[in-house]
Amino acid sequence: MEKIKYPSVCVVDTHATRPPVPPRLIQVRKKTGVAQILLYMLVSVALCGMVIEACFIYGLYQAEHTNSESISKLIGGADVTTPTKQPSYDILPSKPVAHLTDGQDLTHEKRKMAWSMNADPLLYEMTYEDKELKIQKEGYYYVYSKVFFSDSDTFQHRISMHTDRYRGNITLLQSRKYSSHSKKTQSNSYLGGVFHLYQNDGIFVDVSDTAKIVRHKPYENVFGAYMI
């Protein structure tokens, strides 16, 4: 007898899930395109910020440079009144102060010394007129001067004051240097002291002969004052 062949039975699991379908290439490309666009936007914003910051810094530099040139033109002469505040200083002093140096751009009188307005002078709430520092605020000031000179005899160095309250000039500080050598020698003289000064008082430096002043470097001859 022949055996009857029955077909094989297939069991179907109705709870089984379908295998995951791989993402389409188009979706991957879309995600990549969005990421690139966001990256480009971020880079563009950063570059724009750097450009704007650079332009802002350049504008500030140009404004400061223009102000400095304008001040230099206005104070080209040694005897011109200078502004009490110079915008070139980033930090302004808390009290009146002045510091002046010698310079090849000026000419001294026979005794009265002049001071350069082209050698970056420091002037705050004080003015420079007719070779004198003019006081704007009453108070106690430390006044000083240092000169470098050459002489074979006698040399005098003074800080004097001109005021409307008295006639003539008043000597505040003075030094005398005597030389026992027949040949010329070079030396320094320094004066400094505290004085009560009034508004519109003028202080200046005079010497026995300005022709004896050695003028190698501007900072070798200085003159200044500051409120204490």
C-alpha atoms as a PDB file:
ATOM      1  CA  MET A   1       0.000   0.000   0.000  1.00  0.00           C
ATOM      2  CA  GLU A   2       1.188   3.332  -0.846  1.00  0.00           C
ATOM      3  CA  LYS A   3       1.484   5.903   1.879  1.00  0.00           C
ATOM      4  CA  ILE A   4      -0.502   9.092   1.424  1.00  0.00           C
ATOM      5  CA  LYS A   5       1.667  12.208   1.506  1.00  0.00           C
ATOM      6  CA  TYR A   6       0.138  15.129   3.310  1.00  0.00           C
ATOM      7  CA  PRO A   7       1.288  18.665   2.730  1.00  0.00           C
ATOM      8  CA  SER A   8       3.478  20.246   5.430  1.00  0.00           C
ATOM      9  CA  VAL A   9       1.715  22.464   7.875  1.00  0.00           C
ATOM     10  CA  CYS A  10       2.890  26.130   8.233  1.00  0.00           C
ATOM     11  CA  VAL A  11       2.391  27.824  11.541  1.00  0.00           C
ATOM     12  CA  VAL A  12       1.867  31.569  11.400  1.00  0.00           C
ATOM     13  CA  ASP A  13       2.666  33.721  14.418  1.00  0.00           C
ATOM     14  CA  THR A  14       0.194  36.551  14.386  1.00  0.00           C
ATOM     15  CA  HIS A  15       2.021  38.424  17.173  1.00  0.00           C
ATOM     16  CA  ALA A  16       5.331  38.651  15.343  1.00  0.00           C
ATOM     17  CA  THR A  17       6.476  42.127  14.214  1.00  0.00           C
ATOM     18  CA  ARG A  18       7.799  43.019  10.846  1.00  0.00           C
ATOM     19  CA  PRO A  19      11.532  43.448  10.419  1.00  0.00           C
ATOM     20  CA  PRO A  20      12.651  47.083  10.468  1.00  0.00           C
ATOM     21  CA  VAL A  21      12.790  48.742   7.120  1.00  0.00           C
ATOM     22  CA  PRO A  22      16.093  50.555   6.396  1.00  0.00           C
ATOM     23  CA  PRO A  23      15.675  54.330   6.113  1.00  0.00           C
ATOM     24  CA  ARG A  24      15.349  55.630   2.687  1.00  0.00           C
ATOM     25  CA  LEU A  25      18.271  57.389   1.143  1.00  0.00           C
ATOM     26  CA  ILE A  26      16.140  60.471   0.540  1.00  0.00           C
ATOM     27  CA  GLN A  27      15.387  60.888   4.265  1.00  0.00           C
ATOM     28  CA  VAL A  28      19.084  60.622   5.137  1.00  0.00           C
ATOM     29  CA  ARG A  29      19.902  63.234   2.574  1.00  0.00           C
ATOM     30  CA  LYS A  30      17.224  65.540   3.943  1.00  0.00           C
ATOM     31  CA  LYS A  31      18.594  65.279   7.492  1.00  0.00           C
ATOM     32  CA  THR A  32      22.157  65.904   6.263  1.00  0.00           C
ATOM     33  CA  GLY A  33      21.034  68.944   4.274  1.00  0.00           C
ATOM     34  CA  VAL A  34      19.273  70.506   7.266  1.00  0.00           C
ATOM     35  CA  ALA A  35      22.378  70.023   9.467  1.00  0.00           C
ATOM     36  CA  GLN A  36      24.615  71.665   6.866  1.00  0.00           C
ATOM     37  CA  ILE A  37      22.263  74.626   6.553  1.00  0.00           C
ATOM     38  CA  LEU A  38      22.242  75.136  10.322  1.00  0.00           C
ATOM     39  CA  LEU A  39      26.050  74.896  10.412  1.00  0.00           C
ATOM     40  CA  TYR A  40      26.392  77.468   7.624  1.00  0.00           C
ATOM     41  CA  MET A  41      23.996  79.813   9.423  1.00  0.00           C
ATOM     42  CA  LEU A  42      25.952  79.575  12.695  1.00  0.00           C
ATOM     43  CA  VAL A  43      29.279  80.191  10.941  1.00  0.00           C
ATOM     44  CA  SER A  44      27.797  83.161   9.044  1.00  0.00           C
ATOM     45  CA  VAL A  45      26.452  84.727  12.247  1.00  0.00           C
ATOM     46  CA  ALA A  46      29.853  84.316  13.946  1.00  0.00           C
ATOM     47  CA  LEU A  47      31.691  85.904  11.008  1.00  0.00           C
ATOM     48  CA  CYS A  48      29.250  88.821  10.890  1.00  0.00           C
ATOM     49  CA  GLY A  49      29.789  89.407  14.603  1.00  0.00           C
ATOM     50  CA  MET A  50      33.574  89.478  14.142  1.00  0.00           C
ATOM     51  CA  VAL A  51      33.278  91.934  11.233  1.00  0.00           C
ATOM     52  CA  ILE A  52      30.982  94.267  13.215  1.00  0.00           C
ATOM     53  CA  GLU A  53      33.326  94.178  16.231  1.00  0.00           C
ATOM     54  CA  ALA A  54      36.350  94.944  14.016  1.00  0.00           C
ATOM     55  CA  CYS A  55      34.541  97.902  12.432  1.00  0.00           C
ATOM     56  CA  PHE A  56      33.576  99.231  15.873  1.00  0.00           C
ATOM     57  CA  ILE A  57      37.169  99.033  17.163  1.00  0.00           C
ATOM     58  CA  TYR A  58      38.491 100.705  13.996  1.00  0.00           C
ATOM     59  CA  GLY A  59      35.954 103.523  14.367  1.00  0.00           C
ATOM     60  CA  LEU A  60      37.032 104.180  17.960  1.00  0.00           C
ATOM     61  CA  TYR A  61      40.694 104.243  16.918  1.00  0.00           C
ATOM     62  CA  GLN A  62      40.016 106.681  14.083  1.00  0.00           C
ATOM     63  CA  ALA A  63      38.050 108.997  16.382  1.00  0.00           C
ATOM     64  CA  GLU A  64      40.821 109.015  18.990  1.00  0.00           C
ATOM     65  CA  HIS A  65      43.484 109.597  16.326  1.00  0.00           C
ATOM     66  CA  THR A  66      41.491 112.496  14.842  1.00  0.00           C
ATOM     67  CA  ASN A  67      41.071 114.135  18.259  1.00  0.00           C
ATOM     68  CA  SER A  68      44.809 113.825  18.940  1.00  0.00           C
ATOM     69  CA  GLU A  69      45.677 115.460  15.603  1.00  0.00           C
ATOM     70  CA  SER A  70      43.204 118.276  16.238  1.00  0.00           C
ATOM     71  CA  ILE A  71      44.722 118.992  19.640  1.00  0.00           C
ATOM     72  CA  SER A  72      48.237 118.985  18.155  1.00  0.00           C
ATOM     73  CA  LYS A  73      47.196 121.540  15.537  1.00  0.00           C
ATOM     74  CA  LEU A  74      45.510 123.766  18.099  1.00  0.00           C
ATOM     75  CA  ILE A  75      48.514 123.786  20.428  1.00  0.00           C
ATOM     76  CA  GLY A  76      51.253 124.005  17.827  1.00  0.00           C
ATOM     77  CA  GLY A  77      52.691 127.119  19.494  1.00  0.00           C
ATOM     78  CA  ALA A  78      54.425 127.016  22.842  1.00  0.00           C
ATOM     79  CA  ASP A  79      52.537 129.971  24.288  1.00  0.00           C
ATOM     80  CA  VAL A  80      48.991 128.913  23.358  1.00  0.00           C
ATOM     81  CA  THR A  81      46.514 128.081  26.099  1.00  0.00           C
ATOM     82  CA  THR A  82      45.923 124.344  26.153  1.00  0.00           C
ATOM     83  CA  PRO A  83      42.643 122.613  27.053  1.00  0.00           C
ATOM     84  CA  THR A  84      42.227 121.651  30.675  1.00  0.00           C
ATOM     85  CA  LYS A  85      41.166 118.120  29.710  1.00  0.00           C
ATOM     86  CA  GLN A  86      42.760 116.027  27.007  1.00  0.00           C
ATOM     87  CA  PRO A  87      40.557 113.214  25.658  1.00  0.00           C
ATOM     88  CA  SER A  88      43.622 111.164  24.702  1.00  0.00           C
ATOM     89  CA  TYR A  89      43.940 109.960  28.306  1.00  0.00           C
ATOM     90  CA  ASP A  90      41.864 106.875  29.003  1.00  0.00           C
ATOM     91  CA  ILE A  91      41.889 107.429  32.784  1.00  0.00           C
ATOM     92  CA  LEU A  92      41.572 111.039  33.933  1.00  0.00           C
ATOM     93  CA  PRO A  93      43.397 112.130  37.103  1.00  0.00           C
ATOM     94  CA  SER A  94      41.379 112.749  40.228  1.00  0.00           C
ATOM     95  CA  LYS A  95      43.091 116.099  40.921  1.00  0.00           C
ATOM     96  CA  PRO A  96      44.821 118.851  38.928  1.00  0.00           C
ATOM     97  CA  VAL A  97      48.201 117.773  37.588  1.00  0.00           C
ATOM     98  CA  ALA A  98      50.776 118.973  35.059  1.00  0.00           C
ATOM     99  CA  HIS A  99      54.055 117.564  33.769  1.00  0.00           C
ATOM    100  CA  LEU A 100      56.011 119.349  31.039  1.00  0.00           C
ATOM    101  CA  THR A 101      59.300 118.551  29.307  1.00  0.00           C
ATOM    102  CA  ASP A 102      61.867 120.364  27.191  1.00  0.00           C
ATOM    103  CA  GLY A 103      61.800 120.160  23.399  1.00  0.00           C
ATOM    104  CA  GLN A 104      63.657 121.231  20.286  1.00  0.00           C
ATOM    105  CA  ASP A 105      60.482 122.895  18.968  1.00  0.00           C
ATOM    106  CA  LEU A 106      60.731 125.855  21.367  1.00  0.00           C
ATOM    107  CA  THR A 107      63.002 128.764  22.241  1.00  0.00           C
ATOM    108  CA  HIS A 108      63.858 129.833  25.795  1.00  0.00           C
ATOM    109  CA  GLU A 109      64.125 133.399  26.904  1.00  0.00           C
ATOM    110  CA  LYS A 110      67.352 134.654  28.475  1.00  0.00           C
ATOM    111  CA  ARG A 111      66.271 133.431  31.931  1.00  0.00           C
ATOM    112  CA  LYS A 112      62.725 132.089  31.669  1.00  0.00           C
ATOM    113  CA  MET A 113      62.454 128.544  30.377  1.00  0.00           C
ATOM    114  CA  ALA A 114      59.802 127.407  27.899  1.00  0.00           C
ATOM    115  CA  TRP A 115      58.178 123.978  27.733  1.00  0.00           C
ATOM    116  CA  SER A 116      57.110 121.893  24.785  1.00  0.00           C
ATOM    117  CA  MET A 117      53.479 121.328  23.842  1.00  0.00           C
ATOM    118  CA  ASN A 118      54.481 118.737  21.211  1.00  0.00           C
ATOM    119  CA  ALA A 119      56.173 116.279  23.592  1.00  0.00           C
ATOM    120  CA  ASP A 120      52.954 114.703  24.931  1.00  0.00           C
ATOM    121  CA  PRO A 121      52.436 117.135  27.837  1.00  0.00           C
ATOM    122  CA  LEU A 122      50.250 116.192  30.779  1.00  0.00           C
ATOM    123  CA  LEU A 123      47.811 118.978  31.605  1.00  0.00           C
ATOM    124  CA  TYR A 124      44.654 118.390  33.618  1.00  0.00           C
ATOM    125  CA  GLU A 125      42.675 121.263  35.178  1.00  0.00           C
ATOM    126  CA  MET A 126      45.728 123.484  34.656  1.00  0.00           C
ATOM    127  CA  THR A 127      46.743 125.577  31.645  1.00  0.00           C
ATOM    128  CA  TYR A 128      50.019 126.663  30.077  1.00  0.00           C
ATOM    129  CA  GLU A 129      50.300 130.330  29.094  1.00  0.00           C
ATOM    130  CA  ASP A 130      53.338 132.525  28.465  1.00  0.00           C
ATOM    131  CA  LYS A 131      55.733 129.812  29.728  1.00  0.00           C
ATOM    132  CA  GLU A 132      53.770 129.560  32.996  1.00  0.00           C
ATOM    133  CA  LEU A 133      51.518 126.942  34.564  1.00  0.00           C
ATOM    134  CA  LYS A 134      48.234 128.585  35.503  1.00  0.00           C
ATOM    135  CA  ILE A 135      46.418 127.301  38.572  1.00  0.00           C
ATOM    136  CA  GLN A 136      42.671 126.719  38.108  1.00  0.00           C
ATOM    137  CA  LYS A 137      41.771 125.336  41.554  1.00  0.00           C
ATOM    138  CA  GLU A 138      42.976 126.727  44.877  1.00  0.00           C
ATOM    139  CA  GLY A 139      44.798 124.243  47.095  1.00  0.00           C
ATOM    140  CA  TYR A 140      48.125 122.784  48.182  1.00  0.00           C
ATOM    141  CA  TYR A 141      50.406 121.744  45.327  1.00  0.00           C
ATOM    142  CA  TYR A 142      53.681 119.919  45.125  1.00  0.00           C
ATOM    143  CA  VAL A 143      55.776 121.910  42.638  1.00  0.00           C
ATOM    144  CA  TYR A 144      58.971 120.513  41.116  1.00  0.00           C
ATOM    145  CA  SER A 145      61.560 121.116  38.411  1.00  0.00           C
ATOM    146  CA  LYS A 146      64.726 119.397  37.240  1.00  0.00           C
ATOM    147  CA  VAL A 147      67.286 120.839  34.806  1.00  0.00           C
ATOM    148  CA  PHE A 148      70.481 119.537  33.242  1.00  0.00           C
ATOM    149  CA  PHE A 149      73.108 122.230  32.677  1.00  0.00           C
ATOM    150  CA  SER A 150      76.740 122.830  31.800  1.00  0.00           C
ATOM    151  CA  ASP A 151      78.748 125.551  33.530  1.00  0.00           C
ATOM    152  CA  SER A 152      82.220 126.465  34.731  1.00  0.00           C
ATOM    153  CA  ASP A 153      81.221 129.204  37.173  1.00  0.00           C
ATOM    154  CA  THR A 154      77.882 129.694  38.952  1.00  0.00           C
ATOM    155  CA  PHE A 155      74.444 128.445  37.957  1.00  0.00           C
ATOM    156  CA  GLN A 156      71.131 129.393  39.535  1.00  0.00           C
ATOM    157  CA  HIS A 157      67.872 127.447  39.230  1.00  0.00           C
ATOM    158  CA  ARG A 158      64.568 128.827  40.532  1.00  0.00           C
ATOM    159  CA  ILE A 159      60.838 128.143  40.598  1.00  0.00           C
ATOM    160  CA  SER A 160      59.013 131.450  40.808  1.00  0.00           C
ATOM    161  CA  MET A 161      55.395 132.518  41.103  1.00  0.00           C
ATOM    162  CA  HIS A 162      53.415 135.329  39.518  1.00  0.00           C
ATOM    163  CA  THR A 163      50.220 136.323  41.314  1.00  0.00           C
ATOM    164  CA  ASP A 164      47.712 139.144  41.119  1.00  0.00           C
ATOM    165  CA  ARG A 165      47.751 139.493  44.910  1.00  0.00           C
ATOM    166  CA  TYR A 166      51.319 140.886  45.012  1.00  0.00           C
ATOM    167  CA  ARG A 167      53.553 142.952  42.818  1.00  0.00           C
ATOM    168  CA  GLY A 168      56.458 141.361  41.045  1.00  0.00           C
ATOM    169  CA  ASN A 169      57.535 137.736  41.053  1.00  0.00           C
ATOM    170  CA  ILE A 170      57.955 135.611  44.174  1.00  0.00           C
ATOM    171  CA  THR A 171      60.709 133.005  44.407  1.00  0.00           C
ATOM    172  CA  LEU A 172      59.349 129.700  45.749  1.00  0.00           C
ATOM    173  CA  LEU A 173      62.465 127.518  45.425  1.00  0.00           C
ATOM    174  CA  GLN A 174      66.061 128.226  44.469  1.00  0.00           C
ATOM    175  CA  SER A 175      69.379 126.416  44.168  1.00  0.00           C
ATOM    176  CA  ARG A 176      72.914 127.591  43.390  1.00  0.00           C
ATOM    177  CA  LYS A 177      75.682 125.485  41.931  1.00  0.00           C
ATOM    178  CA  TYR A 178      79.302 126.581  42.203  1.00  0.00           C
ATOM    179  CA  SER A 179      82.072 125.060  40.138  1.00  0.00           C
ATOM    180  CA  SER A 180      85.715 125.272  41.134  1.00  0.00           C
ATOM    181  CA  HIS A 181      86.940 123.933  37.785  1.00  0.00           C
ATOM    182  CA  SER A 182      88.088 126.152  34.959  1.00  0.00           C
ATOM    183  CA  LYS A 183      86.523 123.869  32.349  1.00  0.00           C
ATOM    184  CA  LYS A 184      82.808 123.364  31.923  1.00  0.00           C
ATOM    185  CA  THR A 185      81.171 120.542  33.829  1.00  0.00           C
ATOM    186  CA  GLN A 186      77.695 119.060  33.468  1.00  0.00           C
ATOM    187  CA  SER A 187      75.410 118.677  36.455  1.00  0.00           C
ATOM    188  CA  ASN A 188      71.752 118.403  37.502  1.00  0.00           C
ATOM    189  CA  SER A 189      69.630 120.607  39.739  1.00  0.00           C
ATOM    190  CA  TYR A 190      66.347 119.473  41.287  1.00  0.00           C
ATOM    191  CA  LEU A 191      63.811 121.571  43.193  1.00  0.00           C
ATOM    192  CA  GLY A 192      60.609 120.438  44.880  1.00  0.00           C
ATOM    193  CA  GLY A 193      58.271 121.706  47.582  1.00  0.00           C
ATOM    194  CA  VAL A 194      54.647 122.132  48.734  1.00  0.00           C
ATOM    195  CA  PHE A 195      52.863 125.490  48.422  1.00  0.00           C
ATOM    196  CA  HIS A 196      49.366 126.859  48.818  1.00  0.00           C
ATOM    197  CA  LEU A 197      48.402 128.333  45.461  1.00  0.00           C
ATOM    198  CA  TYR A 198      45.358 130.365  44.467  1.00  0.00           C
ATOM    199  CA  GLN A 199      43.327 130.430  41.291  1.00  0.00           C
ATOM    200  CA  ASN A 200      45.069 132.267  38.408  1.00  0.00           C
ATOM    201  CA  ASP A 201      48.466 132.060  40.098  1.00  0.00           C
ATOM    202  CA  GLY A 202      51.225 131.375  37.566  1.00  0.00           C
ATOM    203  CA  ILE A 203      54.363 129.355  38.321  1.00  0.00           C
ATOM    204  CA  PHE A 204      57.412 129.156  36.062  1.00  0.00           C
ATOM    205  CA  VAL A 205      61.070 128.120  35.939  1.00  0.00           C
ATOM    206  CA  ASP A 206      63.884 130.603  35.446  1.00  0.00           C
ATOM    207  CA  VAL A 207      67.667 130.104  35.488  1.00  0.00           C
ATOM    208  CA  SER A 208      70.695 132.361  35.480  1.00  0.00           C
ATOM    209  CA  ASP A 209      71.258 131.684  31.758  1.00  0.00           C
ATOM    210  CA  THR A 210      69.173 129.358  29.567  1.00  0.00           C
ATOM    211  CA  ALA A 211      72.092 129.038  27.140  1.00  0.00           C
ATOM    212  CA  LYS A 212      73.742 126.794  29.728  1.00  0.00           C
ATOM    213  CA  ILE A 213      70.859 124.292  29.666  1.00  0.00           C
ATOM    214  CA  VAL A 214      71.875 120.969  28.100  1.00  0.00           C
ATOM    215  CA  ARG A 215      69.125 119.771  25.762  1.00  0.00           C
ATOM    216  CA  HIS A 216      70.065 116.256  24.668  1.00  0.00           C
ATOM    217  CA  LYS A 217      66.818 114.559  25.739  1.00  0.00           C
ATOM    218  CA  PRO A 218      63.436 116.196  26.527  1.00  0.00           C
ATOM    219  CA  TYR A 219      63.037 114.299  29.818  1.00  0.00           C
ATOM    220  CA  GLU A 220      66.322 115.698  31.187  1.00  0.00           C
ATOM    221  CA  ASN A 221      64.599 119.049  31.795  1.00  0.00           C
ATOM    222  CA  VAL A 222      61.137 118.835  33.374  1.00  0.00           C
ATOM    223  CA  PHE A 223      58.643 121.020  35.185  1.00  0.00           C
ATOM    224  CA  GLY A 224      55.356 120.155  36.856  1.00  0.00           C
ATOM    225  CA  ALA A 225      52.930 120.392  39.757  1.00  0.00           C
ATOM    226  CA  TYR A 226      50.090 118.378  41.231  1.00  0.00           C
ATOM    227  CA  MET A 227      47.498 118.975  43.933  1.00  0.00           C
ATOM    228  CA  ILE A 228      47.972 116.920  47.114  1.00  0.00           C
END
